[in-house]
């Protein structure tokens, strides 16, 4: 059974050494729910996923894909990368408000 979360977040751009990435940063109650899910997974299976990530099914508009969210700032924030394919399909640009639904897997 997965937990479903919904929020609307601003799309930001991050310039790294290997390219430009677009992402949303998840914080507050949604971040707490993800951190709790990660802890339960660790307690149940005795391991932590790579980089402390949590597998999710993400949905923006009509685009739905399986991916992971990654912890930032001691798991008080989580980052979801948005691919160019999703940005194009949904007509997204930096600064847009992104209605996001996540199913924690």
PDB file of N, CA and C in Angstrom:
ATOM      1  N   UNK A   1       0.846  -1.184   0.000  1.00  0.00           N
ATOM      2  CA  UNK A   1       0.000   0.000   0.000  1.00  0.00           C
ATOM      3  C   UNK A   1       0.886   1.241   0.000  1.00  0.00           C
ATOM      4  N   UNK A   2       0.606   2.170  -0.884  1.00  0.00           N
ATOM      5  CA  UNK A   2       1.406   3.386  -0.958  1.00  0.00           C
ATOM      6  C   UNK A   2       0.623   4.571  -0.412  1.00  0.00           C
ATOM      7  N   UNK A   3       1.356   5.558   0.039  1.00  0.00           N
ATOM      8  CA  UNK A   3       0.767   6.782   0.553  1.00  0.00           C
ATOM      9  C   UNK A   3       0.784   7.822  -0.554  1.00  0.00           C
ATOM     10  N   UNK A   4      -0.316   8.532  -0.749  1.00  0.00           N
ATOM     11  CA  UNK A   4      -0.399   9.563  -1.788  1.00  0.00           C
ATOM     12  C   UNK A   4      -0.300  10.945  -1.166  1.00  0.00           C
ATOM     13  N   UNK A   5       0.484  11.793  -1.800  1.00  0.00           N
ATOM     14  CA  UNK A   5       0.696  13.167  -1.343  1.00  0.00           C
ATOM     15  C   UNK A   5       0.488  14.105  -2.522  1.00  0.00           C
ATOM     16  N   UNK A   6      -0.024  15.292  -2.262  1.00  0.00           N
ATOM     17  CA  UNK A   6      -0.229  16.275  -3.327  1.00  0.00           C
ATOM     18  C   UNK A   6       0.206  17.654  -2.842  1.00  0.00           C
ATOM     19  N   UNK A   7       0.784  18.421  -3.751  1.00  0.00           N
ATOM     20  CA  UNK A   7       1.207  19.782  -3.440  1.00  0.00           C
ATOM     21  C   UNK A   7       1.441  20.535  -4.745  1.00  0.00           C
ATOM     22  N   UNK A   8       1.582  21.837  -4.650  1.00  0.00           N
ATOM     23  CA  UNK A   8       1.939  22.680  -5.792  1.00  0.00           C
ATOM     24  C   UNK A   8       3.216  23.419  -5.412  1.00  0.00           C
ATOM     25  N   UNK A   9       4.233  23.267  -6.247  1.00  0.00           N
ATOM     26  CA  UNK A   9       5.553  23.796  -5.931  1.00  0.00           C
ATOM     27  C   UNK A   9       6.142  24.542  -7.122  1.00  0.00           C
ATOM     28  N   UNK A  10       7.019  25.539  -6.861  1.00  0.00           N
ATOM     29  CA  UNK A  10       7.657  26.250  -7.971  1.00  0.00           C
ATOM     30  C   UNK A  10       8.761  25.408  -8.612  1.00  0.00           C
ATOM     31  N   UNK A  11       8.835  25.468  -9.926  1.00  0.00           N
ATOM     32  CA  UNK A  11       9.878  24.782 -10.679  1.00  0.00           C
ATOM     33  C   UNK A  11      11.118  25.666 -10.693  1.00  0.00           C
ATOM     34  N   UNK A  12      12.232  25.119 -10.239  1.00  0.00           N
ATOM     35  CA  UNK A  12      13.472  25.886 -10.211  1.00  0.00           C
ATOM     36  C   UNK A  12      14.513  25.242 -11.116  1.00  0.00           C
ATOM     37  N   UNK A  13      15.509  26.026 -11.472  1.00  0.00           N
ATOM     38  CA  UNK A  13      16.603  25.553 -12.323  1.00  0.00           C
ATOM     39  C   UNK A  13      17.876  25.554 -11.499  1.00  0.00           C
ATOM     40  N   UNK A  14      18.647  24.488 -11.644  1.00  0.00           N
ATOM     41  CA  UNK A  14      19.931  24.383 -10.964  1.00  0.00           C
ATOM     42  C   UNK A  14      20.994  24.070 -11.996  1.00  0.00           C
ATOM     43  N   UNK A  15      22.056  24.864 -12.009  1.00  0.00           N
ATOM     44  CA  UNK A  15      23.150  24.674 -12.956  1.00  0.00           C
ATOM     45  C   UNK A  15      24.263  23.906 -12.260  1.00  0.00           C
ATOM     46  N   UNK A  16      24.541  22.693 -12.720  1.00  0.00           N
ATOM     47  CA  UNK A  16      25.614  21.876 -12.164  1.00  0.00           C
ATOM     48  C   UNK A  16      26.783  21.784 -13.116  1.00  0.00           C
ATOM     49  N   UNK A  17      27.816  21.081 -12.695  1.00  0.00           N
ATOM     50  CA  UNK A  17      29.005  20.890 -13.526  1.00  0.00           C
ATOM     51  C   UNK A  17      28.695  20.106 -14.795  1.00  0.00           C
ATOM     52  N   UNK A  18      27.703  19.202 -14.706  1.00  0.00           N
ATOM     53  CA  UNK A  18      27.390  18.335 -15.843  1.00  0.00           C
ATOM     54  C   UNK A  18      26.155  18.760 -16.618  1.00  0.00           C
ATOM     55  N   UNK A  19      25.591  19.891 -16.291  1.00  0.00           N
ATOM     56  CA  UNK A  19      24.429  20.346 -17.037  1.00  0.00           C
ATOM     57  C   UNK A  19      23.442  21.108 -16.177  1.00  0.00           C
ATOM     58  N   UNK A  20      22.330  21.440 -16.789  1.00  0.00           N
ATOM     59  CA  UNK A  20      21.258  22.166 -16.130  1.00  0.00           C
ATOM     60  C   UNK A  20      20.164  21.190 -15.742  1.00  0.00           C
ATOM     61  N   UNK A  21      19.657  21.338 -14.535  1.00  0.00           N
ATOM     62  CA  UNK A  21      18.604  20.468 -14.031  1.00  0.00           C
ATOM     63  C   UNK A  21      17.420  21.316 -13.594  1.00  0.00           C
ATOM     64  N   UNK A  22      16.225  20.795 -13.818  1.00  0.00           N
ATOM     65  CA  UNK A  22      15.021  21.441 -13.320  1.00  0.00           C
ATOM     66  C   UNK A  22      14.444  20.552 -12.232  1.00  0.00           C
ATOM     67  N   UNK A  23      13.965  21.170 -11.163  1.00  0.00           N
ATOM     68  CA  UNK A  23      13.526  20.401 -10.010  1.00  0.00           C
ATOM     69  C   UNK A  23      12.498  21.170  -9.198  1.00  0.00           C
ATOM     70  N   UNK A  24      11.841  20.429  -8.320  1.00  0.00           N
ATOM     71  CA  UNK A  24      10.990  21.038  -7.303  1.00  0.00           C
ATOM     72  C   UNK A  24      11.548  20.607  -5.957  1.00  0.00           C
ATOM     73  N   UNK A  25      11.478  21.506  -4.972  1.00  0.00           N
ATOM     74  CA  UNK A  25      11.939  21.216  -3.621  1.00  0.00           C
ATOM     75  C   UNK A  25      10.719  21.065  -2.723  1.00  0.00           C
ATOM     76  N   UNK A  26      10.629  19.907  -2.096  1.00  0.00           N
ATOM     77  CA  UNK A  26       9.482  19.563  -1.258  1.00  0.00           C
ATOM     78  C   UNK A  26       9.867  19.811   0.195  1.00  0.00           C
ATOM     79  N   UNK A  27       9.037  20.562   0.919  1.00  0.00           N
ATOM     80  CA  UNK A  27       9.348  20.838   2.320  1.00  0.00           C
ATOM     81  C   UNK A  27       8.083  20.755   3.174  1.00  0.00           C
ATOM     82  N   UNK A  28       8.216  21.074   4.430  1.00  0.00           N
ATOM     83  CA  UNK A  28       7.159  21.141   5.444  1.00  0.00           C
ATOM     84  C   UNK A  28       6.483  19.777   5.642  1.00  0.00           C
ATOM     85  N   UNK A  29       5.162  19.729   5.677  1.00  0.00           N
ATOM     86  CA  UNK A  29       4.449  18.494   6.016  1.00  0.00           C
ATOM     87  C   UNK A  29       4.706  17.367   5.020  1.00  0.00           C
ATOM     88  N   UNK A  30       4.795  17.695   3.753  1.00  0.00           N
ATOM     89  CA  UNK A  30       5.038  16.674   2.729  1.00  0.00           C
ATOM     90  C   UNK A  30       6.425  16.054   2.951  1.00  0.00           C
ATOM     91  N   UNK A  31       7.414  16.896   3.261  1.00  0.00           N
ATOM     92  CA  UNK A  31       8.770  16.394   3.521  1.00  0.00           C
ATOM     93  C   UNK A  31       8.783  15.494   4.753  1.00  0.00           C
ATOM     94  N   UNK A  32       8.021  15.860   5.764  1.00  0.00           N
ATOM     95  CA  UNK A  32       7.948  15.041   6.978  1.00  0.00           C
ATOM     96  C   UNK A  32       7.344  13.667   6.665  1.00  0.00           C
ATOM     97  N   UNK A  33       6.322  13.637   5.831  1.00  0.00           N
ATOM     98  CA  UNK A  33       5.689  12.365   5.456  1.00  0.00           C
ATOM     99  C   UNK A  33       6.668  11.481   4.678  1.00  0.00           C
ATOM    100  N   UNK A  34       7.469  12.088   3.801  1.00  0.00           N
ATOM    101  CA  UNK A  34       8.455  11.321   3.035  1.00  0.00           C
ATOM    102  C   UNK A  34       9.535  10.776   3.969  1.00  0.00           C
ATOM    103  N   UNK A  35      10.010  11.608   4.905  1.00  0.00           N
ATOM    104  CA  UNK A  35      11.032  11.179   5.858  1.00  0.00           C
ATOM    105  C   UNK A  35      10.511  10.025   6.724  1.00  0.00           C
ATOM    106  N   UNK A  36       9.261  10.097   7.147  1.00  0.00           N
ATOM    107  CA  UNK A  36       8.663   9.024   7.943  1.00  0.00           C
ATOM    108  C   UNK A  36       8.579   7.735   7.127  1.00  0.00           C
ATOM    109  N   UNK A  37       8.213   7.855   5.866  1.00  0.00           N
ATOM    110  CA  UNK A  37       8.148   6.685   4.970  1.00  0.00           C
ATOM    111  C   UNK A  37       9.541   6.064   4.829  1.00  0.00           C
ATOM    112  N   UNK A  38      10.564   6.900   4.661  1.00  0.00           N
ATOM    113  CA  UNK A  38      11.939   6.410   4.524  1.00  0.00           C
ATOM    114  C   UNK A  38      12.372   5.674   5.790  1.00  0.00           C
ATOM    115  N   UNK A  39      12.014   6.212   6.949  1.00  0.00           N
ATOM    116  CA  UNK A  39      12.360   5.573   8.216  1.00  0.00           C
ATOM    117  C   UNK A  39      11.661   4.226   8.355  1.00  0.00           C
ATOM    118  N   UNK A  40      10.391   4.161   8.007  1.00  0.00           N
ATOM    119  CA  UNK A  40       9.653   2.898   8.087  1.00  0.00           C
ATOM    120  C   UNK A  40      10.262   1.852   7.148  1.00  0.00           C
ATOM    121  N   UNK A  41      10.667   2.280   5.956  1.00  0.00           N
ATOM    122  CA  UNK A  41      11.311   1.361   5.014  1.00  0.00           C
ATOM    123  C   UNK A  41      12.604   0.821   5.614  1.00  0.00           C
ATOM    124  N   UNK A  42      13.374   1.708   6.222  1.00  0.00           N
ATOM    125  CA  UNK A  42      14.651   1.291   6.816  1.00  0.00           C
ATOM    126  C   UNK A  42      14.424   0.333   7.980  1.00  0.00           C
ATOM    127  N   UNK A  43      13.416   0.607   8.801  1.00  0.00           N
ATOM    128  CA  UNK A  43      13.115  -0.277   9.924  1.00  0.00           C
ATOM    129  C   UNK A  43      12.614  -1.643   9.441  1.00  0.00           C
ATOM    130  N   UNK A  44      11.804  -1.636   8.391  1.00  0.00           N
ATOM    131  CA  UNK A  44      11.229  -2.877   7.878  1.00  0.00           C
ATOM    132  C   UNK A  44      12.253  -3.746   7.154  1.00  0.00           C
ATOM    133  N   UNK A  45      13.090  -3.118   6.336  1.00  0.00           N
ATOM    134  CA  UNK A  45      14.013  -3.879   5.499  1.00  0.00           C
ATOM    135  C   UNK A  45      15.459  -3.841   5.983  1.00  0.00           C
ATOM    136  N   UNK A  46      15.770  -2.993   6.956  1.00  0.00           N
ATOM    137  CA  UNK A  46      17.111  -2.937   7.517  1.00  0.00           C
ATOM    138  C   UNK A  46      18.147  -2.246   6.661  1.00  0.00           C
ATOM    139  N   UNK A  47      17.714  -1.634   5.561  1.00  0.00           N
ATOM    140  CA  UNK A  47      18.650  -0.928   4.686  1.00  0.00           C
ATOM    141  C   UNK A  47      18.061   0.402   4.254  1.00  0.00           C
ATOM    142  N   UNK A  48      18.928   1.237   3.776  1.00  0.00           N
ATOM    143  CA  UNK A  48      18.527   2.527   3.238  1.00  0.00           C
ATOM    144  C   UNK A  48      18.807   2.511   1.751  1.00  0.00           C
ATOM    145  N   UNK A  49      17.956   3.114   0.964  1.00  0.00           N
ATOM    146  CA  UNK A  49      18.178   3.172  -0.486  1.00  0.00           C
ATOM    147  C   UNK A  49      19.319   4.135  -0.800  1.00  0.00           C
ATOM    148  N   UNK A  50      19.828   4.042  -2.027  1.00  0.00           N
ATOM    149  CA  UNK A  50      20.946   4.879  -2.444  1.00  0.00           C
ATOM    150  C   UNK A  50      20.724   6.356  -2.197  1.00  0.00           C
ATOM    151  N   UNK A  51      21.703   6.989  -1.579  1.00  0.00           N
ATOM    152  CA  UNK A  51      21.675   8.409  -1.242  1.00  0.00           C
ATOM    153  C   UNK A  51      20.525   8.761  -0.303  1.00  0.00           C
ATOM    154  N   UNK A  52      19.903   7.754   0.338  1.00  0.00           N
ATOM    155  CA  UNK A  52      18.771   8.007   1.229  1.00  0.00           C
ATOM    156  C   UNK A  52      17.487   8.299   0.478  1.00  0.00           C
ATOM    157  N   UNK A  53      17.449   7.945  -0.808  1.00  0.00           N
ATOM    158  CA  UNK A  53      16.297   8.273  -1.651  1.00  0.00           C
ATOM    159  C   UNK A  53      15.062   7.453  -1.297  1.00  0.00           C
ATOM    160  N   UNK A  54      13.915   7.935  -1.762  1.00  0.00           N
ATOM    161  CA  UNK A  54      12.637   7.239  -1.609  1.00  0.00           C
ATOM    162  C   UNK A  54      12.032   7.094  -2.996  1.00  0.00           C
ATOM    163  N   UNK A  55      11.642   5.853  -3.338  1.00  0.00           N
ATOM    164  CA  UNK A  55      11.008   5.611  -4.637  1.00  0.00           C
ATOM    165  C   UNK A  55       9.582   6.175  -4.605  1.00  0.00           C
ATOM    166  N   UNK A  56       9.205   6.804  -5.726  1.00  0.00           N
ATOM    167  CA  UNK A  56       7.869   7.392  -5.844  1.00  0.00           C
ATOM    168  C   UNK A  56       7.325   7.179  -7.250  1.00  0.00           C
ATOM    169  N   UNK A  57       6.024   7.288  -7.366  1.00  0.00           N
ATOM    170  CA  UNK A  57       5.361   7.421  -8.659  1.00  0.00           C
ATOM    171  C   UNK A  57       4.930   8.880  -8.690  1.00  0.00           C
ATOM    172  N   UNK A  58       5.495   9.650  -9.598  1.00  0.00           N
ATOM    173  CA  UNK A  58       5.213  11.083  -9.681  1.00  0.00           C
ATOM    174  C   UNK A  58       4.209  11.355 -10.797  1.00  0.00           C
ATOM    175  N   UNK A  59       3.384  12.354 -10.585  1.00  0.00           N
ATOM    176  CA  UNK A  59       2.400  12.741 -11.604  1.00  0.00           C
ATOM    177  C   UNK A  59       2.299  14.260 -11.660  1.00  0.00           C
ATOM    178  N   UNK A  60       2.473  14.773 -12.864  1.00  0.00           N
ATOM    179  CA  UNK A  60       2.277  16.191 -13.153  1.00  0.00           C
ATOM    180  C   UNK A  60       1.405  16.241 -14.392  1.00  0.00           C
ATOM    181  N   UNK A  61       0.211  16.783 -14.251  1.00  0.00           N
ATOM    182  CA  UNK A  61      -0.716  16.817 -15.382  1.00  0.00           C
ATOM    183  C   UNK A  61      -1.018  15.409 -15.860  1.00  0.00           C
ATOM    184  N   UNK A  62      -0.778  15.153 -17.145  1.00  0.00           N
ATOM    185  CA  UNK A  62      -1.022  13.822 -17.709  1.00  0.00           C
ATOM    186  C   UNK A  62       0.238  12.950 -17.716  1.00  0.00           C
ATOM    187  N   UNK A  63       1.355  13.504 -17.259  1.00  0.00           N
ATOM    188  CA  UNK A  63       2.620  12.753 -17.213  1.00  0.00           C
ATOM    189  C   UNK A  63       2.744  12.022 -15.885  1.00  0.00           C
ATOM    190  N   UNK A  64       3.048  10.732 -15.974  1.00  0.00           N
ATOM    191  CA  UNK A  64       3.192   9.896 -14.780  1.00  0.00           C
ATOM    192  C   UNK A  64       4.426   9.023 -14.981  1.00  0.00           C
ATOM    193  N   UNK A  65       5.330   8.995 -13.994  1.00  0.00           N
ATOM    194  CA  UNK A  65       6.551   8.210 -14.121  1.00  0.00           C
ATOM    195  C   UNK A  65       7.064   7.773 -12.752  1.00  0.00           C
ATOM    196  N   UNK A  66       7.821   6.664 -12.772  1.00  0.00           N
ATOM    197  CA  UNK A  66       8.437   6.129 -11.562  1.00  0.00           C
ATOM    198  C   UNK A  66       9.830   6.728 -11.439  1.00  0.00           C
ATOM    199  N   UNK A  67      10.139   7.258 -10.259  1.00  0.00           N
ATOM    200  CA  UNK A  67      11.412   7.921 -10.031  1.00  0.00           C
ATOM    201  C   UNK A  67      11.728   7.876  -8.544  1.00  0.00           C
ATOM    202  N   UNK A  68      12.618   8.730  -8.087  1.00  0.00           N
ATOM    203  CA  UNK A  68      12.959   8.838  -6.676  1.00  0.00           C
ATOM    204  C   UNK A  68      13.055  10.296  -6.279  1.00  0.00           C
ATOM    205  N   UNK A  69      12.812  10.557  -4.994  1.00  0.00           N
ATOM    206  CA  UNK A  69      13.070  11.875  -4.416  1.00  0.00           C
ATOM    207  C   UNK A  69      14.296  11.724  -3.526  1.00  0.00           C
ATOM    208  N   UNK A  70      15.081  12.796  -3.429  1.00  0.00           N
ATOM    209  CA  UNK A  70      16.349  12.742  -2.719  1.00  0.00           C
ATOM    210  C   UNK A  70      16.359  13.746  -1.569  1.00  0.00           C
ATOM    211  N   UNK A  71      16.892  13.329  -0.399  1.00  0.00           N
ATOM    212  CA  UNK A  71      16.885  14.209   0.769  1.00  0.00           C
ATOM    213  C   UNK A  71      17.893  15.341   0.650  1.00  0.00           C
ATOM    214  N   UNK A  72      17.527  16.461   1.231  1.00  0.00           N
ATOM    215  CA  UNK A  72      18.392  17.636   1.328  1.00  0.00           C
ATOM    216  C   UNK A  72      18.257  18.188   2.742  1.00  0.00           C
ATOM    217  N   UNK A  73      19.275  18.851   3.238  1.00  0.00           N
ATOM    218  CA  UNK A  73      19.220  19.523   4.537  1.00  0.00           C
ATOM    219  C   UNK A  73      18.744  18.606   5.651  1.00  0.00           C
ATOM    220  N   UNK A  74      19.350  17.425   5.753  1.00  0.00           N
ATOM    221  CA  UNK A  74      19.018  16.508   6.833  1.00  0.00           C
ATOM    222  C   UNK A  74      17.602  15.969   6.781  1.00  0.00           C
ATOM    223  N   UNK A  75      17.099  15.741   5.586  1.00  0.00           N
ATOM    224  CA  UNK A  75      15.762  15.195   5.331  1.00  0.00           C
ATOM    225  C   UNK A  75      14.634  16.151   5.727  1.00  0.00           C
ATOM    226  N   UNK A  76      14.933  17.451   5.859  1.00  0.00           N
ATOM    227  CA  UNK A  76      13.860  18.425   6.081  1.00  0.00           C
ATOM    228  C   UNK A  76      13.301  18.908   4.746  1.00  0.00           C
ATOM    229  N   UNK A  77      14.032  18.619   3.664  1.00  0.00           N
ATOM    230  CA  UNK A  77      13.573  18.927   2.311  1.00  0.00           C
ATOM    231  C   UNK A  77      13.914  17.731   1.422  1.00  0.00           C
ATOM    232  N   UNK A  78      13.135  17.567   0.355  1.00  0.00           N
ATOM    233  CA  UNK A  78      13.371  16.513  -0.622  1.00  0.00           C
ATOM    234  C   UNK A  78      13.312  17.136  -2.004  1.00  0.00           C
ATOM    235  N   UNK A  79      14.116  16.607  -2.926  1.00  0.00           N
ATOM    236  CA  UNK A  79      14.202  17.143  -4.279  1.00  0.00           C
ATOM    237  C   UNK A  79      13.685  16.107  -5.277  1.00  0.00           C
ATOM    238  N   UNK A  80      12.859  16.577  -6.206  1.00  0.00           N
ATOM    239  CA  UNK A  80      12.375  15.756  -7.318  1.00  0.00           C
ATOM    240  C   UNK A  80      12.848  16.410  -8.604  1.00  0.00           C
ATOM    241  N   UNK A  81      13.648  15.679  -9.388  1.00  0.00           N
ATOM    242  CA  UNK A  81      14.100  16.192 -10.680  1.00  0.00           C
ATOM    243  C   UNK A  81      12.987  16.021 -11.702  1.00  0.00           C
ATOM    244  N   UNK A  82      12.816  17.040 -12.556  1.00  0.00           N
ATOM    245  CA  UNK A  82      11.802  17.020 -13.604  1.00  0.00           C
ATOM    246  C   UNK A  82      12.533  16.944 -14.947  1.00  0.00           C
ATOM    247  N   UNK A  83      12.269  15.905 -15.716  1.00  0.00           N
ATOM    248  CA  UNK A  83      12.967  15.700 -16.990  1.00  0.00           C
ATOM    249  C   UNK A  83      12.490  16.692 -18.054  1.00  0.00           C
ATOM    250  N   UNK A  84      13.316  16.861 -19.065  1.00  0.00           N
ATOM    251  CA  UNK A  84      12.947  17.714 -20.205  1.00  0.00           C
ATOM    252  C   UNK A  84      11.704  17.172 -20.893  1.00  0.00           C
ATOM    253  N   UNK A  85      11.595  15.851 -20.950  1.00  0.00           N
ATOM    254  CA  UNK A  85      10.436  15.217 -21.583  1.00  0.00           C
ATOM    255  C   UNK A  85       9.141  15.626 -20.876  1.00  0.00           C
ATOM    256  N   UNK A  86       9.126  15.585 -19.553  1.00  0.00           N
ATOM    257  CA  UNK A  86       7.933  15.982 -18.782  1.00  0.00           C
ATOM    258  C   UNK A  86       7.697  17.479 -18.925  1.00  0.00           C
ATOM    259  N   UNK A  87       8.759  18.274 -18.851  1.00  0.00           N
ATOM    260  CA  UNK A  87       8.608  19.724 -18.985  1.00  0.00           C
ATOM    261  C   UNK A  87       7.985  20.077 -20.327  1.00  0.00           C
ATOM    262  N   UNK A  88       8.438  19.429 -21.383  1.00  0.00           N
ATOM    263  CA  UNK A  88       7.903  19.682 -22.717  1.00  0.00           C
ATOM    264  C   UNK A  88       6.451  19.229 -22.824  1.00  0.00           C
ATOM    265  N   UNK A  89       6.157  18.023 -22.349  1.00  0.00           N
ATOM    266  CA  UNK A  89       4.797  17.469 -22.439  1.00  0.00           C
ATOM    267  C   UNK A  89       3.781  18.314 -21.676  1.00  0.00           C
ATOM    268  N   UNK A  90       4.230  18.905 -20.564  1.00  0.00           N
ATOM    269  CA  UNK A  90       3.317  19.679 -19.714  1.00  0.00           C
ATOM    270  C   UNK A  90       3.442  21.186 -19.921  1.00  0.00           C
ATOM    271  N   UNK A  91       4.309  21.607 -20.837  1.00  0.00           N
ATOM    272  CA  UNK A  91       4.473  23.032 -21.122  1.00  0.00           C
ATOM    273  C   UNK A  91       5.015  23.818 -19.943  1.00  0.00           C
ATOM    274  N   UNK A  92       5.976  23.242 -19.208  1.00  0.00           N
ATOM    275  CA  UNK A  92       6.521  23.876 -18.010  1.00  0.00           C
ATOM    276  C   UNK A  92       7.768  24.692 -18.309  1.00  0.00           C
ATOM    277  N   UNK A  93       7.969  25.742 -17.525  1.00  0.00           N
ATOM    278  CA  UNK A  93       9.161  26.570 -17.610  1.00  0.00           C
ATOM    279  C   UNK A  93       9.576  26.963 -16.202  1.00  0.00           C
ATOM    280  N   UNK A  94      10.833  27.375 -16.064  1.00  0.00           N
ATOM    281  CA  UNK A  94      11.345  27.803 -14.762  1.00  0.00           C
ATOM    282  C   UNK A  94      10.415  28.842 -14.135  1.00  0.00           C
ATOM    283  N   UNK A  95      10.112  28.652 -12.849  1.00  0.00           N
ATOM    284  CA  UNK A  95       9.260  29.587 -12.124  1.00  0.00           C
ATOM    285  C   UNK A  95       7.789  29.209 -12.120  1.00  0.00           C
ATOM    286  N   UNK A  96       7.380  28.278 -12.998  1.00  0.00           N
ATOM    287  CA  UNK A  96       5.979  27.845 -13.023  1.00  0.00           C
ATOM    288  C   UNK A  96       5.611  27.136 -11.723  1.00  0.00           C
ATOM    289  N   UNK A  97       4.358  27.253 -11.323  1.00  0.00           N
ATOM    290  CA  UNK A  97       3.826  26.477 -10.220  1.00  0.00           C
ATOM    291  C   UNK A  97       3.431  25.114 -10.761  1.00  0.00           C
ATOM    292  N   UNK A  98       3.979  24.065 -10.157  1.00  0.00           N
ATOM    293  CA  UNK A  98       3.791  22.705 -10.653  1.00  0.00           C
ATOM    294  C   UNK A  98       2.870  21.929  -9.700  1.00  0.00           C
ATOM    295  N   UNK A  99       1.677  21.532 -10.176  1.00  0.00           N
ATOM    296  CA  UNK A  99       0.808  20.684  -9.352  1.00  0.00           C
ATOM    297  C   UNK A  99       1.333  19.254  -9.404  1.00  0.00           C
ATOM    298  N   UNK A 100       1.772  18.760  -8.257  1.00  0.00           N
ATOM    299  CA  UNK A 100       2.468  17.491  -8.179  1.00  0.00           C
ATOM    300  C   UNK A 100       1.729  16.506  -7.287  1.00  0.00           C
ATOM    301  N   UNK A 101       1.637  15.279  -7.748  1.00  0.00           N
ATOM    302  CA  UNK A 101       1.113  14.191  -6.922  1.00  0.00           C
ATOM    303  C   UNK A 101       2.187  13.125  -6.826  1.00  0.00           C
ATOM    304  N   UNK A 102       2.410  12.640  -5.609  1.00  0.00           N
ATOM    305  CA  UNK A 102       3.409  11.601  -5.366  1.00  0.00           C
ATOM    306  C   UNK A 102       2.766  10.418  -4.656  1.00  0.00           C
ATOM    307  N   UNK A 103       3.053   9.225  -5.144  1.00  0.00           N
ATOM    308  CA  UNK A 103       2.698   8.003  -4.445  1.00  0.00           C
ATOM    309  C   UNK A 103       4.002   7.433  -3.927  1.00  0.00           C
ATOM    310  N   UNK A 104       4.141   7.331  -2.600  1.00  0.00           N
ATOM    311  CA  UNK A 104       5.349   6.778  -2.005  1.00  0.00           C
ATOM    312  C   UNK A 104       5.329   5.268  -2.160  1.00  0.00           C
ATOM    313  N   UNK A 105       6.396   4.707  -2.721  1.00  0.00           N
ATOM    314  CA  UNK A 105       6.436   3.264  -2.992  1.00  0.00           C
ATOM    315  C   UNK A 105       7.307   2.534  -1.979  1.00  0.00           C
TER     316      UNK A 105
END
